[in-house]
Amino acid sequence: MSFIVEVIQAILIIIAAILIFIAAIGIIRLDSNMDNVFYVRLHLFGVLDVACILASIGLGQYLIALLYLIITPFVAHTISNAYLYSEDKINKSEDKENV
């Protein structure tokens, strides 16, 4: 039975490593001149979050994986919401200068 558990943990760690590699390539190749590039990067870091959760499960750290699974969406939402409102303030100040 322990051999099966070890194989499942190894598979989860390999999947996590592949996801981390794919997300890292995506972040490096991302063009900074795109519209809403911040949200694309935030999504790629979300892929990294899933990889970290899989790696935590693969290493047997179930409590850390559960906490990470609960906290990460709230943090991502807060960061994107803060960026959205700061972007609105920057755009509104530019509009006032042009008038």
PDB file of N, CA and C in Angstrom:
ATOM      1  N   MET A   1       0.822  -1.209   0.000  1.00  0.00           N
ATOM      2  CA  MET A   1       0.000   0.000   0.000  1.00  0.00           C
ATOM      3  C   MET A   1       0.855   1.258   0.000  1.00  0.00           C
ATOM      4  N   SER A   2       1.976   1.236   0.728  1.00  0.00           N
ATOM      5  CA  SER A   2       2.813   2.438   0.789  1.00  0.00           C
ATOM      6  C   SER A   2       3.485   2.711  -0.553  1.00  0.00           C
ATOM      7  N   PHE A   3       3.720   1.644  -1.351  1.00  0.00           N
ATOM      8  CA  PHE A   3       4.310   1.843  -2.673  1.00  0.00           C
ATOM      9  C   PHE A   3       3.361   2.635  -3.561  1.00  0.00           C
ATOM     10  N   ILE A   4       2.076   2.355  -3.482  1.00  0.00           N
ATOM     11  CA  ILE A   4       1.082   3.070  -4.284  1.00  0.00           C
ATOM     12  C   ILE A   4       1.024   4.536  -3.876  1.00  0.00           C
ATOM     13  N   VAL A   5       1.096   4.800  -2.578  1.00  0.00           N
ATOM     14  CA  VAL A   5       1.079   6.176  -2.082  1.00  0.00           C
ATOM     15  C   VAL A   5       2.319   6.922  -2.568  1.00  0.00           C
ATOM     16  N   GLU A   6       3.471   6.263  -2.537  1.00  0.00           N
ATOM     17  CA  GLU A   6       4.704   6.897  -3.008  1.00  0.00           C
ATOM     18  C   GLU A   6       4.644   7.197  -4.505  1.00  0.00           C
ATOM     19  N   VAL A   7       4.046   6.312  -5.275  1.00  0.00           N
ATOM     20  CA  VAL A   7       3.912   6.538  -6.716  1.00  0.00           C
ATOM     21  C   VAL A   7       2.978   7.722  -6.981  1.00  0.00           C
ATOM     22  N   ILE A   8       1.887   7.802  -6.257  1.00  0.00           N
ATOM     23  CA  ILE A   8       0.953   8.927  -6.423  1.00  0.00           C
ATOM     24  C   ILE A   8       1.627  10.237  -6.035  1.00  0.00           C
ATOM     25  N   GLN A   9       2.405  10.233  -4.950  1.00  0.00           N
ATOM     26  CA  GLN A   9       3.121  11.442  -4.547  1.00  0.00           C
ATOM     27  C   GLN A   9       4.148  11.843  -5.598  1.00  0.00           C
ATOM     28  N   ALA A  10       4.851  10.879  -6.162  1.00  0.00           N
ATOM     29  CA  ALA A  10       5.832  11.180  -7.202  1.00  0.00           C
ATOM     30  C   ALA A  10       5.165  11.757  -8.442  1.00  0.00           C
ATOM     31  N   ILE A  11       4.012  11.222  -8.809  1.00  0.00           N
ATOM     32  CA  ILE A  11       3.285  11.739  -9.974  1.00  0.00           C
ATOM     33  C   ILE A  11       2.827  13.178  -9.729  1.00  0.00           C
ATOM     34  N   LEU A  12       2.332  13.456  -8.532  1.00  0.00           N
ATOM     35  CA  LEU A  12       1.901  14.820  -8.205  1.00  0.00           C
ATOM     36  C   LEU A  12       3.061  15.802  -8.247  1.00  0.00           C
ATOM     37  N   ILE A  13       4.211  15.396  -7.768  1.00  0.00           N
ATOM     38  CA  ILE A  13       5.378  16.279  -7.805  1.00  0.00           C
ATOM     39  C   ILE A  13       5.840  16.506  -9.243  1.00  0.00           C
ATOM     40  N   ILE A  14       5.790  15.487 -10.079  1.00  0.00           N
ATOM     41  CA  ILE A  14       6.166  15.649 -11.487  1.00  0.00           C
ATOM     42  C   ILE A  14       5.192  16.579 -12.202  1.00  0.00           C
ATOM     43  N   ILE A  15       3.902  16.419 -11.945  1.00  0.00           N
ATOM     44  CA  ILE A  15       2.908  17.324 -12.543  1.00  0.00           C
ATOM     45  C   ILE A  15       3.145  18.752 -12.086  1.00  0.00           C
ATOM     46  N   ALA A  16       3.456  18.940 -10.811  1.00  0.00           N
ATOM     47  CA  ALA A  16       3.736  20.278 -10.288  1.00  0.00           C
ATOM     48  C   ALA A  16       4.964  20.875 -10.963  1.00  0.00           C
ATOM     49  N   ALA A  17       5.995  20.078 -11.168  1.00  0.00           N
ATOM     50  CA  ALA A  17       7.207  20.576 -11.828  1.00  0.00           C
ATOM     51  C   ALA A  17       6.920  20.983 -13.275  1.00  0.00           C
ATOM     52  N   ILE A  18       6.112  20.216 -13.961  1.00  0.00           N
ATOM     53  CA  ILE A  18       5.756  20.556 -15.347  1.00  0.00           C
ATOM     54  C   ILE A  18       4.949  21.858 -15.383  1.00  0.00           C
ATOM     55  N   LEU A  19       3.986  22.019 -14.481  1.00  0.00           N
ATOM     56  CA  LEU A  19       3.205  23.254 -14.426  1.00  0.00           C
ATOM     57  C   LEU A  19       4.079  24.464 -14.109  1.00  0.00           C
ATOM     58  N   ILE A  20       5.019  24.302 -13.206  1.00  0.00           N
ATOM     59  CA  ILE A  20       5.928  25.402 -12.873  1.00  0.00           C
ATOM     60  C   ILE A  20       6.768  25.766 -14.084  1.00  0.00           C
ATOM     61  N   PHE A  21       7.260  24.787 -14.812  1.00  0.00           N
ATOM     62  CA  PHE A  21       8.064  25.043 -16.007  1.00  0.00           C
ATOM     63  C   PHE A  21       7.259  25.767 -17.081  1.00  0.00           C
ATOM     64  N   ILE A  22       6.037  25.329 -17.325  1.00  0.00           N
ATOM     65  CA  ILE A  22       5.183  25.964 -18.336  1.00  0.00           C
ATOM     66  C   ILE A  22       4.846  27.403 -17.939  1.00  0.00           C
ATOM     67  N   ALA A  23       4.510  27.628 -16.679  1.00  0.00           N
ATOM     68  CA  ALA A  23       4.190  28.983 -16.217  1.00  0.00           C
ATOM     69  C   ALA A  23       5.414  29.890 -16.278  1.00  0.00           C
ATOM     70  N   ALA A  24       6.574  29.369 -15.959  1.00  0.00           N
ATOM     71  CA  ALA A  24       7.796  30.181 -16.023  1.00  0.00           C
ATOM     72  C   ALA A  24       8.092  30.605 -17.461  1.00  0.00           C
ATOM     73  N   ILE A  25       7.927  29.704 -18.409  1.00  0.00           N
ATOM     74  CA  ILE A  25       8.133  30.057 -19.814  1.00  0.00           C
ATOM     75  C   ILE A  25       7.110  31.106 -20.240  1.00  0.00           C
ATOM     76  N   GLY A  26       5.867  30.958 -19.806  1.00  0.00           N
ATOM     77  CA  GLY A  26       4.831  31.933 -20.156  1.00  0.00           C
ATOM     78  C   GLY A  26       5.120  33.313 -19.591  1.00  0.00           C
ATOM     79  N   ILE A  27       5.614  33.379 -18.376  1.00  0.00           N
ATOM     80  CA  ILE A  27       5.929  34.674 -17.761  1.00  0.00           C
ATOM     81  C   ILE A  27       7.102  35.325 -18.467  1.00  0.00           C
ATOM     82  N   ILE A  28       8.109  34.537 -18.834  1.00  0.00           N
ATOM     83  CA  ILE A  28       9.276  35.094 -19.517  1.00  0.00           C
ATOM     84  C   ILE A  28       8.919  35.588 -20.914  1.00  0.00           C
ATOM     85  N   ARG A  29       8.111  34.863 -21.645  1.00  0.00           N
ATOM     86  CA  ARG A  29       7.787  35.207 -23.031  1.00  0.00           C
ATOM     87  C   ARG A  29       6.687  36.256 -23.167  1.00  0.00           C
ATOM     88  N   LEU A  30       6.084  36.642 -22.069  1.00  0.00           N
ATOM     89  CA  LEU A  30       4.961  37.574 -22.103  1.00  0.00           C
ATOM     90  C   LEU A  30       5.429  38.961 -22.516  1.00  0.00           C
ATOM     91  N   ASP A  31       4.724  39.561 -23.461  1.00  0.00           N
ATOM     92  CA  ASP A  31       5.071  40.896 -23.949  1.00  0.00           C
ATOM     93  C   ASP A  31       4.529  41.948 -22.984  1.00  0.00           C
ATOM     94  N   SER A  32       5.372  42.892 -22.585  1.00  0.00           N
ATOM     95  CA  SER A  32       4.961  43.914 -21.615  1.00  0.00           C
ATOM     96  C   SER A  32       4.089  44.992 -22.240  1.00  0.00           C
ATOM     97  N   ASN A  33       3.971  45.034 -23.545  1.00  0.00           N
ATOM     98  CA  ASN A  33       3.195  46.077 -24.221  1.00  0.00           C
ATOM     99  C   ASN A  33       1.742  45.685 -24.450  1.00  0.00           C
ATOM    100  N   MET A  34       1.330  44.542 -23.956  1.00  0.00           N
ATOM    101  CA  MET A  34      -0.046  44.085 -24.130  1.00  0.00           C
ATOM    102  C   MET A  34      -0.988  44.860 -23.227  1.00  0.00           C
ATOM    103  N   ASP A  35      -2.247  44.934 -23.634  1.00  0.00           N
ATOM    104  CA  ASP A  35      -3.265  45.483 -22.747  1.00  0.00           C
ATOM    105  C   ASP A  35      -3.556  44.451 -21.658  1.00  0.00           C
ATOM    106  N   ASN A  36      -3.758  44.943 -20.460  1.00  0.00           N
ATOM    107  CA  ASN A  36      -4.091  44.099 -19.309  1.00  0.00           C
ATOM    108  C   ASN A  36      -3.066  42.990 -19.051  1.00  0.00           C
ATOM    109  N   VAL A  37      -1.792  43.310 -19.268  1.00  0.00           N
ATOM    110  CA  VAL A  37      -0.740  42.317 -19.054  1.00  0.00           C
ATOM    111  C   VAL A  37      -0.679  41.906 -17.585  1.00  0.00           C
ATOM    112  N   PHE A  38      -1.090  42.785 -16.696  1.00  0.00           N
ATOM    113  CA  PHE A  38      -1.078  42.464 -15.265  1.00  0.00           C
ATOM    114  C   PHE A  38      -1.987  41.281 -14.969  1.00  0.00           C
ATOM    115  N   TYR A  39      -3.161  41.260 -15.580  1.00  0.00           N
ATOM    116  CA  TYR A  39      -4.115  40.189 -15.309  1.00  0.00           C
ATOM    117  C   TYR A  39      -3.639  38.861 -15.908  1.00  0.00           C
ATOM    118  N   VAL A  40      -2.943  38.927 -17.023  1.00  0.00           N
ATOM    119  CA  VAL A  40      -2.396  37.706 -17.615  1.00  0.00           C
ATOM    120  C   VAL A  40      -1.316  37.131 -16.704  1.00  0.00           C
ATOM    121  N   ARG A  41      -0.458  38.011 -16.183  1.00  0.00           N
ATOM    122  CA  ARG A  41       0.582  37.547 -15.266  1.00  0.00           C
ATOM    123  C   ARG A  41      -0.037  36.982 -13.986  1.00  0.00           C
ATOM    124  N   LEU A  42      -1.075  37.598 -13.512  1.00  0.00           N
ATOM    125  CA  LEU A  42      -1.743  37.102 -12.309  1.00  0.00           C
ATOM    126  C   LEU A  42      -2.315  35.705 -12.553  1.00  0.00           C
ATOM    127  N   HIS A  43      -2.837  35.478 -13.745  1.00  0.00           N
ATOM    128  CA  HIS A  43      -3.359  34.154 -14.083  1.00  0.00           C
ATOM    129  C   HIS A  43      -2.229  33.126 -14.122  1.00  0.00           C
ATOM    130  N   LEU A  44      -1.087  33.500 -14.693  1.00  0.00           N
ATOM    131  CA  LEU A  44       0.042  32.570 -14.739  1.00  0.00           C
ATOM    132  C   LEU A  44       0.544  32.230 -13.333  1.00  0.00           C
ATOM    133  N   PHE A  45       0.526  33.217 -12.454  1.00  0.00           N
ATOM    134  CA  PHE A  45       0.911  32.927 -11.079  1.00  0.00           C
ATOM    135  C   PHE A  45      -0.140  32.050 -10.388  1.00  0.00           C
ATOM    136  N   GLY A  46      -1.377  32.102 -10.851  1.00  0.00           N
ATOM    137  CA  GLY A  46      -2.400  31.189 -10.353  1.00  0.00           C
ATOM    138  C   GLY A  46      -2.090  29.749 -10.732  1.00  0.00           C
ATOM    139  N   VAL A  47      -1.537  29.560 -11.926  1.00  0.00           N
ATOM    140  CA  VAL A  47      -1.101  28.219 -12.331  1.00  0.00           C
ATOM    141  C   VAL A  47       0.015  27.740 -11.407  1.00  0.00           C
ATOM    142  N   LEU A  48       0.914  28.657 -11.057  1.00  0.00           N
ATOM    143  CA  LEU A  48       1.973  28.298 -10.113  1.00  0.00           C
ATOM    144  C   LEU A  48       1.405  27.932  -8.743  1.00  0.00           C
ATOM    145  N   ASP A  49       0.349  28.613  -8.347  1.00  0.00           N
ATOM    146  CA  ASP A  49      -0.287  28.293  -7.066  1.00  0.00           C
ATOM    147  C   ASP A  49      -0.828  26.870  -7.063  1.00  0.00           C
ATOM    148  N   VAL A  50      -1.461  26.476  -8.150  1.00  0.00           N
ATOM    149  CA  VAL A  50      -1.984  25.105  -8.253  1.00  0.00           C
ATOM    150  C   VAL A  50      -0.831  24.107  -8.201  1.00  0.00           C
ATOM    151  N   ALA A  51       0.274  24.441  -8.860  1.00  0.00           N
ATOM    152  CA  ALA A  51       1.441  23.558  -8.829  1.00  0.00           C
ATOM    153  C   ALA A  51       1.976  23.418  -7.409  1.00  0.00           C
ATOM    154  N   CYS A  52       1.990  24.515  -6.672  1.00  0.00           N
ATOM    155  CA  CYS A  52       2.462  24.443  -5.282  1.00  0.00           C
ATOM    156  C   CYS A  52       1.525  23.611  -4.412  1.00  0.00           C
ATOM    157  N   ILE A  53       0.238  23.700  -4.667  1.00  0.00           N
ATOM    158  CA  ILE A  53      -0.727  22.884  -3.922  1.00  0.00           C
ATOM    159  C   ILE A  53      -0.501  21.397  -4.232  1.00  0.00           C
ATOM    160  N   LEU A  54      -0.301  21.081  -5.508  1.00  0.00           N
ATOM    161  CA  LEU A  54      -0.033  19.687  -5.877  1.00  0.00           C
ATOM    162  C   LEU A  54       1.265  19.183  -5.252  1.00  0.00           C
ATOM    163  N   ALA A  55       2.294  20.035  -5.249  1.00  0.00           N
ATOM    164  CA  ALA A  55       3.563  19.631  -4.651  1.00  0.00           C
ATOM    165  C   ALA A  55       3.408  19.428  -3.140  1.00  0.00           C
ATOM    166  N   SER A  56       2.635  20.280  -2.490  1.00  0.00           N
ATOM    167  CA  SER A  56       2.409  20.119  -1.049  1.00  0.00           C
ATOM    168  C   SER A  56       1.689  18.814  -0.744  1.00  0.00           C
ATOM    169  N   ILE A  57       0.708  18.483  -1.560  1.00  0.00           N
ATOM    170  CA  ILE A  57       0.008  17.210  -1.378  1.00  0.00           C
ATOM    171  C   ILE A  57       0.967  16.050  -1.642  1.00  0.00           C
ATOM    172  N   GLY A  58       1.788  16.206  -2.682  1.00  0.00           N
ATOM    173  CA  GLY A  58       2.752  15.156  -3.011  1.00  0.00           C
ATOM    174  C   GLY A  58       3.775  14.928  -1.914  1.00  0.00           C
ATOM    175  N   LEU A  59       4.106  15.981  -1.177  1.00  0.00           N
ATOM    176  CA  LEU A  59       5.069  15.855  -0.082  1.00  0.00           C
ATOM    177  C   LEU A  59       4.408  15.484   1.245  1.00  0.00           C
ATOM    178  N   GLY A  60       3.084  15.338   1.233  1.00  0.00           N
ATOM    179  CA  GLY A  60       2.378  14.921   2.434  1.00  0.00           C
ATOM    180  C   GLY A  60       2.028  16.058   3.380  1.00  0.00           C
ATOM    181  N   GLN A  61       2.109  17.286   2.919  1.00  0.00           N
ATOM    182  CA  GLN A  61       1.783  18.452   3.746  1.00  0.00           C
ATOM    183  C   GLN A  61       0.346  18.881   3.450  1.00  0.00           C
ATOM    184  N   TYR A  62      -0.604  18.140   3.955  1.00  0.00           N
ATOM    185  CA  TYR A  62      -2.007  18.341   3.606  1.00  0.00           C
ATOM    186  C   TYR A  62      -2.588  19.621   4.203  1.00  0.00           C
ATOM    187  N   LEU A  63      -2.185  19.956   5.420  1.00  0.00           N
ATOM    188  CA  LEU A  63      -2.698  21.163   6.057  1.00  0.00           C
ATOM    189  C   LEU A  63      -2.221  22.417   5.322  1.00  0.00           C
ATOM    190  N   ILE A  64      -0.962  22.433   4.921  1.00  0.00           N
ATOM    191  CA  ILE A  64      -0.436  23.575   4.168  1.00  0.00           C
ATOM    192  C   ILE A  64      -1.154  23.692   2.829  1.00  0.00           C
ATOM    193  N   ALA A  65      -1.386  22.568   2.174  1.00  0.00           N
ATOM    194  CA  ALA A  65      -2.086  22.590   0.888  1.00  0.00           C
ATOM    195  C   ALA A  65      -3.510  23.112   1.050  1.00  0.00           C
ATOM    196  N   LEU A  66      -4.185  22.701   2.115  1.00  0.00           N
ATOM    197  CA  LEU A  66      -5.553  23.162   2.355  1.00  0.00           C
ATOM    198  C   LEU A  66      -5.584  24.667   2.633  1.00  0.00           C
ATOM    199  N   LEU A  67      -4.681  25.136   3.479  1.00  0.00           N
ATOM    200  CA  LEU A  67      -4.627  26.578   3.768  1.00  0.00           C
ATOM    201  C   LEU A  67      -4.304  27.379   2.513  1.00  0.00           C
ATOM    202  N   TYR A  68      -3.367  26.886   1.736  1.00  0.00           N
ATOM    203  CA  TYR A  68      -2.989  27.547   0.490  1.00  0.00           C
ATOM    204  C   TYR A  68      -4.166  27.589  -0.481  1.00  0.00           C
ATOM    205  N   LEU A  69      -4.920  26.501  -0.539  1.00  0.00           N
ATOM    206  CA  LEU A  69      -6.084  26.433  -1.419  1.00  0.00           C
ATOM    207  C   LEU A  69      -7.166  27.416  -0.995  1.00  0.00           C
ATOM    208  N   ILE A  70      -7.313  27.638   0.303  1.00  0.00           N
ATOM    209  CA  ILE A  70      -8.338  28.557   0.799  1.00  0.00           C
ATOM    210  C   ILE A  70      -7.904  30.014   0.659  1.00  0.00           C
ATOM    211  N   ILE A  71      -6.652  30.315   0.973  1.00  0.00           N
ATOM    212  CA  ILE A  71      -6.191  31.707   1.032  1.00  0.00           C
ATOM    213  C   ILE A  71      -5.857  32.291  -0.341  1.00  0.00           C
ATOM    214  N   THR A  72      -5.322  31.500  -1.248  1.00  0.00           N
ATOM    215  CA  THR A  72      -4.836  32.009  -2.536  1.00  0.00           C
ATOM    216  C   THR A  72      -5.896  32.735  -3.365  1.00  0.00           C
ATOM    217  N   PRO A  73      -7.110  32.238  -3.527  1.00  0.00           N
ATOM    218  CA  PRO A  73      -8.090  32.985  -4.325  1.00  0.00           C
ATOM    219  C   PRO A  73      -8.421  34.357  -3.732  1.00  0.00           C
ATOM    220  N   PHE A  74      -8.472  34.443  -2.410  1.00  0.00           N
ATOM    221  CA  PHE A  74      -8.758  35.732  -1.785  1.00  0.00           C
ATOM    222  C   PHE A  74      -7.634  36.735  -2.032  1.00  0.00           C
ATOM    223  N   VAL A  75      -6.407  36.268  -1.954  1.00  0.00           N
ATOM    224  CA  VAL A  75      -5.260  37.151  -2.182  1.00  0.00           C
ATOM    225  C   VAL A  75      -5.223  37.609  -3.644  1.00  0.00           C
ATOM    226  N   ALA A  76      -5.454  36.710  -4.575  1.00  0.00           N
ATOM    227  CA  ALA A  76      -5.448  37.076  -5.993  1.00  0.00           C
ATOM    228  C   ALA A  76      -6.561  38.079  -6.303  1.00  0.00           C
ATOM    229  N   HIS A  77      -7.718  37.872  -5.718  1.00  0.00           N
ATOM    230  CA  HIS A  77      -8.826  38.805  -5.931  1.00  0.00           C
ATOM    231  C   HIS A  77      -8.489  40.181  -5.356  1.00  0.00           C
ATOM    232  N   THR A  78      -7.885  40.208  -4.182  1.00  0.00           N
ATOM    233  CA  THR A  78      -7.522  41.476  -3.556  1.00  0.00           C
ATOM    234  C   THR A  78      -6.483  42.224  -4.375  1.00  0.00           C
ATOM    235  N   ILE A  79      -5.482  41.525  -4.871  1.00  0.00           N
ATOM    236  CA  ILE A  79      -4.443  42.165  -5.679  1.00  0.00           C
ATOM    237  C   ILE A  79      -5.025  42.715  -6.975  1.00  0.00           C
ATOM    238  N   SER A  80      -5.856  41.926  -7.656  1.00  0.00           N
ATOM    239  CA  SER A  80      -6.431  42.399  -8.916  1.00  0.00           C
ATOM    240  C   SER A  80      -7.401  43.549  -8.693  1.00  0.00           C
ATOM    241  N   ASN A  81      -8.147  43.515  -7.594  1.00  0.00           N
ATOM    242  CA  ASN A  81      -9.084  44.595  -7.282  1.00  0.00           C
ATOM    243  C   ASN A  81      -8.320  45.886  -6.968  1.00  0.00           C
ATOM    244  N   ALA A  82      -7.230  45.782  -6.221  1.00  0.00           N
ATOM    245  CA  ALA A  82      -6.416  46.958  -5.914  1.00  0.00           C
ATOM    246  C   ALA A  82      -5.811  47.537  -7.184  1.00  0.00           C
ATOM    247  N   TYR A  83      -5.361  46.676  -8.084  1.00  0.00           N
ATOM    248  CA  TYR A  83      -4.797  47.162  -9.342  1.00  0.00           C
ATOM    249  C   TYR A  83      -5.870  47.838 -10.191  1.00  0.00           C
ATOM    250  N   LEU A  84      -7.054  47.268 -10.224  1.00  0.00           N
ATOM    251  CA  LEU A  84      -8.141  47.850 -11.000  1.00  0.00           C
ATOM    252  C   LEU A  84      -8.469  49.255 -10.517  1.00  0.00           C
ATOM    253  N   TYR A  85      -8.601  49.437  -9.215  1.00  0.00           N
ATOM    254  CA  TYR A  85      -8.949  50.758  -8.689  1.00  0.00           C
ATOM    255  C   TYR A  85      -7.796  51.750  -8.822  1.00  0.00           C
ATOM    256  N   SER A  86      -6.553  51.298  -8.706  1.00  0.00           N
ATOM    257  CA  SER A  86      -5.430  52.214  -8.917  1.00  0.00           C
ATOM    258  C   SER A  86      -5.344  52.605 -10.377  1.00  0.00           C
ATOM    259  N   GLU A  87      -5.682  51.678 -11.268  1.00  0.00           N
ATOM    260  CA  GLU A  87      -5.692  51.974 -12.699  1.00  0.00           C
ATOM    261  C   GLU A  87      -6.766  53.013 -13.016  1.00  0.00           C
ATOM    262  N   ASP A  88      -7.912  52.917 -12.368  1.00  0.00           N
ATOM    263  CA  ASP A  88      -8.968  53.900 -12.578  1.00  0.00           C
ATOM    264  C   ASP A  88      -8.525  55.287 -12.119  1.00  0.00           C
ATOM    265  N   LYS A  89      -7.828  55.370 -10.994  1.00  0.00           N
ATOM    266  CA  LYS A  89      -7.364  56.665 -10.506  1.00  0.00           C
ATOM    267  C   LYS A  89      -6.349  57.273 -11.458  1.00  0.00           C
ATOM    268  N   ILE A  90      -5.459  56.448 -12.012  1.00  0.00           N
ATOM    269  CA  ILE A  90      -4.471  56.954 -12.964  1.00  0.00           C
ATOM    270  C   ILE A  90      -5.164  57.442 -14.229  1.00  0.00           C
ATOM    271  N   ASN A  91      -6.116  56.676 -14.749  1.00  0.00           N
ATOM    272  CA  ASN A  91      -6.824  57.075 -15.963  1.00  0.00           C
ATOM    273  C   ASN A  91      -7.664  58.324 -15.740  1.00  0.00           C
ATOM    274  N   LYS A  92      -8.294  58.439 -14.586  1.00  0.00           N
ATOM    275  CA  LYS A  92      -9.117  59.622 -14.307  1.00  0.00           C
ATOM    276  C   LYS A  92      -8.253  60.865 -14.172  1.00  0.00           C
ATOM    277  N   SER A  93      -7.051  60.741 -13.593  1.00  0.00           N
ATOM    278  CA  SER A  93      -6.179  61.911 -13.485  1.00  0.00           C
ATOM    279  C   SER A  93      -5.660  62.311 -14.852  1.00  0.00           C
ATOM    280  N   GLU A  94      -5.427  61.373 -15.744  1.00  0.00           N
ATOM    281  CA  GLU A  94      -4.982  61.702 -17.097  1.00  0.00           C
ATOM    282  C   GLU A  94      -6.106  62.379 -17.881  1.00  0.00           C
ATOM    283  N   ASP A  95      -7.353  61.956 -17.647  1.00  0.00           N
ATOM    284  CA  ASP A  95      -8.487  62.576 -18.325  1.00  0.00           C
ATOM    285  C   ASP A  95      -8.658  64.025 -17.879  1.00  0.00           C
ATOM    286  N   LYS A  96      -8.445  64.308 -16.613  1.00  0.00           N
ATOM    287  CA  LYS A  96      -8.592  65.683 -16.112  1.00  0.00           C
ATOM    288  C   LYS A  96      -7.526  66.593 -16.696  1.00  0.00           C
ATOM    289  N   GLU A  97      -6.321  66.067 -16.921  1.00  0.00           N
ATOM    290  CA  GLU A  97      -5.256  66.873 -17.498  1.00  0.00           C
ATOM    291  C   GLU A  97      -5.518  67.190 -18.967  1.00  0.00           C
ATOM    292  N   ASN A  98      -6.182  66.291 -19.683  1.00  0.00           N
ATOM    293  CA  ASN A  98      -6.422  66.482 -21.115  1.00  0.00           C
ATOM    294  C   ASN A  98      -7.584  67.417 -21.385  1.00  0.00           C
ATOM    295  N   VAL A  99      -8.419  67.687 -20.415  1.00  0.00           N
ATOM    296  CA  VAL A  99      -9.601  68.522 -20.626  1.00  0.00           C
ATOM    297  C   VAL A  99      -9.266  69.973 -20.491  1.00  0.00           C
TER     298      VAL A  99
END
